[in-house]
Amino acid sequence: MTESEIVFAVEESPEGGYEAHALGYSIFTEADSLPELRSMVRDAVRCHFEDAERPKVIRLHLVRDEVIAV
């Protein structure tokens, strides 16, 4: 049975750019920009799964950590 969707948590990297971690899978990638990250995530998913097992949808969940002074 295949999953129809895979979710990546995307965070800004401390070194600049973005990092993406798949939820429930050992897949990680990084890139300098969001458009580049989308391409890198697609490539990582293609490399991780066989054609018949590959999810049909990739969802990027952008996580932003913001500190507000009181």
N, C-alpha and C. Protein backbone atom coordinates (compact mmCIF):
# COMPACT_ATOMS: atom_id res chain seq x y z
N MET A 1 0.85 -1.20 0.00
CA MET A 1 0.00 0.00 0.00
C MET A 1 0.88 1.24 0.00
N THR A 2 0.55 2.20 -0.81
CA THR A 2 1.35 3.43 -0.90
C THR A 2 0.64 4.57 -0.18
N GLU A 3 1.42 5.48 0.33
CA GLU A 3 0.88 6.70 0.90
C GLU A 3 0.68 7.69 -0.24
N SER A 4 -0.38 8.46 -0.20
CA SER A 4 -0.63 9.40 -1.29
C SER A 4 0.07 10.74 -1.07
N GLU A 5 0.60 10.96 0.15
CA GLU A 5 1.18 12.26 0.47
C GLU A 5 2.35 12.08 1.42
N ILE A 6 3.35 12.93 1.28
CA ILE A 6 4.46 12.99 2.23
C ILE A 6 4.59 14.44 2.67
N VAL A 7 4.90 14.63 3.95
CA VAL A 7 4.98 15.98 4.53
C VAL A 7 6.41 16.25 4.97
N PHE A 8 6.90 17.44 4.61
CA PHE A 8 8.22 17.89 5.04
C PHE A 8 8.05 19.11 5.94
N ALA A 9 8.74 19.11 7.07
CA ALA A 9 8.82 20.30 7.92
C ALA A 9 10.00 21.12 7.40
N VAL A 10 9.75 22.38 7.06
CA VAL A 10 10.77 23.25 6.48
C VAL A 10 11.08 24.36 7.48
N GLU A 11 12.36 24.53 7.77
CA GLU A 11 12.80 25.58 8.69
C GLU A 11 13.93 26.37 8.06
N GLU A 12 14.08 27.60 8.48
CA GLU A 12 15.24 28.39 8.06
C GLU A 12 16.46 27.81 8.74
N SER A 13 17.54 27.67 7.99
CA SER A 13 18.78 27.13 8.51
C SER A 13 19.55 28.23 9.25
N PRO A 14 20.20 27.90 10.36
CA PRO A 14 21.01 28.90 11.07
C PRO A 14 22.13 29.47 10.19
N GLU A 15 22.60 28.68 9.22
CA GLU A 15 23.66 29.11 8.32
C GLU A 15 23.13 29.88 7.12
N GLY A 16 21.81 30.02 7.02
CA GLY A 16 21.18 30.65 5.87
C GLY A 16 20.53 29.59 5.00
N GLY A 17 19.53 29.96 4.26
CA GLY A 17 18.81 29.00 3.43
C GLY A 17 17.76 28.25 4.22
N TYR A 18 17.43 27.05 3.74
CA TYR A 18 16.34 26.28 4.33
C TYR A 18 16.72 24.81 4.46
N GLU A 19 16.11 24.14 5.46
CA GLU A 19 16.29 22.72 5.68
C GLU A 19 14.91 22.07 5.67
N ALA A 20 14.81 20.87 5.10
CA ALA A 20 13.54 20.15 5.05
C ALA A 20 13.73 18.73 5.55
N HIS A 21 12.87 18.31 6.50
CA HIS A 21 12.90 16.97 7.07
C HIS A 21 11.55 16.31 6.79
N ALA A 22 11.57 15.12 6.22
CA ALA A 22 10.32 14.39 5.99
C ALA A 22 9.80 13.85 7.32
N LEU A 23 8.51 13.95 7.53
CA LEU A 23 7.89 13.41 8.74
C LEU A 23 7.60 11.92 8.52
N GLY A 24 8.21 11.09 9.36
CA GLY A 24 7.99 9.65 9.26
C GLY A 24 8.94 8.92 8.33
N TYR A 25 9.86 9.63 7.71
CA TYR A 25 10.84 9.03 6.80
C TYR A 25 12.21 9.64 7.06
N SER A 26 13.25 8.91 6.73
CA SER A 26 14.62 9.40 6.89
C SER A 26 15.05 10.14 5.64
N ILE A 27 14.41 11.27 5.38
CA ILE A 27 14.74 12.09 4.22
C ILE A 27 15.02 13.50 4.70
N PHE A 28 16.18 14.05 4.31
CA PHE A 28 16.58 15.40 4.68
C PHE A 28 17.22 16.04 3.45
N THR A 29 16.95 17.31 3.26
CA THR A 29 17.63 18.06 2.21
C THR A 29 17.68 19.53 2.61
N GLU A 30 18.50 20.29 1.90
CA GLU A 30 18.63 21.71 2.20
C GLU A 30 18.91 22.47 0.91
N ALA A 31 18.67 23.78 0.95
CA ALA A 31 18.89 24.62 -0.23
C ALA A 31 18.98 26.08 0.21
N ASP A 32 19.46 26.92 -0.70
CA ASP A 32 19.62 28.35 -0.41
C ASP A 32 18.32 29.15 -0.53
N SER A 33 17.38 28.66 -1.34
CA SER A 33 16.13 29.40 -1.55
C SER A 33 14.95 28.42 -1.56
N LEU A 34 13.74 28.94 -1.40
CA LEU A 34 12.56 28.08 -1.43
C LEU A 34 12.35 27.42 -2.79
N PRO A 35 12.51 28.15 -3.91
CA PRO A 35 12.38 27.46 -5.20
C PRO A 35 13.39 26.31 -5.37
N GLU A 36 14.61 26.54 -4.94
CA GLU A 36 15.62 25.49 -5.02
C GLU A 36 15.27 24.33 -4.08
N LEU A 37 14.74 24.65 -2.90
CA LEU A 37 14.36 23.61 -1.94
C LEU A 37 13.26 22.72 -2.52
N ARG A 38 12.29 23.31 -3.21
CA ARG A 38 11.23 22.51 -3.84
C ARG A 38 11.82 21.47 -4.80
N SER A 39 12.78 21.90 -5.58
CA SER A 39 13.44 21.00 -6.52
C SER A 39 14.22 19.91 -5.78
N MET A 40 14.92 20.28 -4.73
CA MET A 40 15.72 19.33 -3.95
C MET A 40 14.82 18.31 -3.25
N VAL A 41 13.67 18.75 -2.74
CA VAL A 41 12.73 17.85 -2.08
C VAL A 41 12.18 16.84 -3.09
N ARG A 42 11.78 17.32 -4.26
CA ARG A 42 11.29 16.39 -5.31
C ARG A 42 12.35 15.33 -5.63
N ASP A 43 13.59 15.77 -5.80
CA ASP A 43 14.67 14.85 -6.12
C ASP A 43 14.90 13.85 -4.99
N ALA A 44 14.86 14.31 -3.74
CA ALA A 44 15.06 13.43 -2.59
C ALA A 44 13.96 12.37 -2.51
N VAL A 45 12.72 12.77 -2.79
CA VAL A 45 11.60 11.82 -2.76
C VAL A 45 11.76 10.80 -3.89
N ARG A 46 12.15 11.25 -5.05
CA ARG A 46 12.37 10.33 -6.19
C ARG A 46 13.47 9.30 -5.87
N CYS A 47 14.51 9.75 -5.18
CA CYS A 47 15.61 8.85 -4.83
C CYS A 47 15.23 7.87 -3.73
N HIS A 48 14.37 8.28 -2.82
CA HIS A 48 14.02 7.47 -1.65
C HIS A 48 13.02 6.37 -1.98
N PHE A 49 12.08 6.64 -2.88
CA PHE A 49 11.00 5.70 -3.17
C PHE A 49 11.12 5.10 -4.57
N GLU A 50 10.71 3.85 -4.70
CA GLU A 50 10.54 3.22 -6.01
C GLU A 50 9.31 3.86 -6.66
N ASP A 51 9.21 3.79 -7.98
CA ASP A 51 8.10 4.42 -8.70
C ASP A 51 6.74 4.03 -8.15
N ALA A 52 6.52 2.74 -7.90
CA ALA A 52 5.21 2.26 -7.45
C ALA A 52 4.87 2.72 -6.03
N GLU A 53 5.89 3.04 -5.22
CA GLU A 53 5.68 3.41 -3.83
C GLU A 53 5.69 4.92 -3.60
N ARG A 54 6.08 5.68 -4.60
CA ARG A 54 6.28 7.12 -4.45
C ARG A 54 4.97 7.84 -4.16
N PRO A 55 4.94 8.71 -3.13
CA PRO A 55 3.75 9.52 -2.85
C PRO A 55 3.42 10.41 -4.04
N LYS A 56 2.15 10.68 -4.23
CA LYS A 56 1.70 11.51 -5.35
C LYS A 56 1.79 13.00 -5.04
N VAL A 57 1.78 13.36 -3.74
CA VAL A 57 1.79 14.76 -3.32
C VAL A 57 2.89 14.97 -2.28
N ILE A 58 3.61 16.07 -2.43
CA ILE A 58 4.60 16.49 -1.43
C ILE A 58 4.08 17.78 -0.80
N ARG A 59 3.94 17.76 0.51
CA ARG A 59 3.46 18.95 1.23
C ARG A 59 4.63 19.54 2.03
N LEU A 60 4.86 20.83 1.86
CA LEU A 60 5.89 21.53 2.63
C LEU A 60 5.21 22.33 3.73
N HIS A 61 5.55 22.02 4.97
CA HIS A 61 5.00 22.73 6.12
C HIS A 61 6.08 23.69 6.62
N LEU A 62 5.90 24.98 6.37
CA LEU A 62 6.90 25.98 6.74
C LEU A 62 6.77 26.32 8.23
N VAL A 63 7.85 26.09 8.96
CA VAL A 63 7.89 26.33 10.40
C VAL A 63 8.74 27.57 10.64
N ARG A 64 8.19 28.52 11.33
CA ARG A 64 8.93 29.77 11.58
C ARG A 64 8.98 30.01 13.08
N ASP A 65 10.18 30.20 13.58
CA ASP A 65 10.39 30.48 15.00
C ASP A 65 10.62 31.97 15.15
N GLU A 66 9.75 32.63 15.91
CA GLU A 66 9.85 34.07 16.08
C GLU A 66 9.85 34.39 17.58
N VAL A 67 10.76 35.24 17.99
CA VAL A 67 10.85 35.65 19.39
C VAL A 67 10.35 37.10 19.48
N ILE A 68 9.46 37.34 20.41
CA ILE A 68 8.90 38.68 20.62
C ILE A 68 9.27 39.14 22.03
N ALA A 69 9.88 40.30 22.13
CA ALA A 69 10.23 40.84 23.44
C ALA A 69 8.96 41.30 24.16
N VAL A 70 8.93 41.10 25.47
CA VAL A 70 7.76 41.47 26.25
C VAL A 70 7.88 42.90 26.75
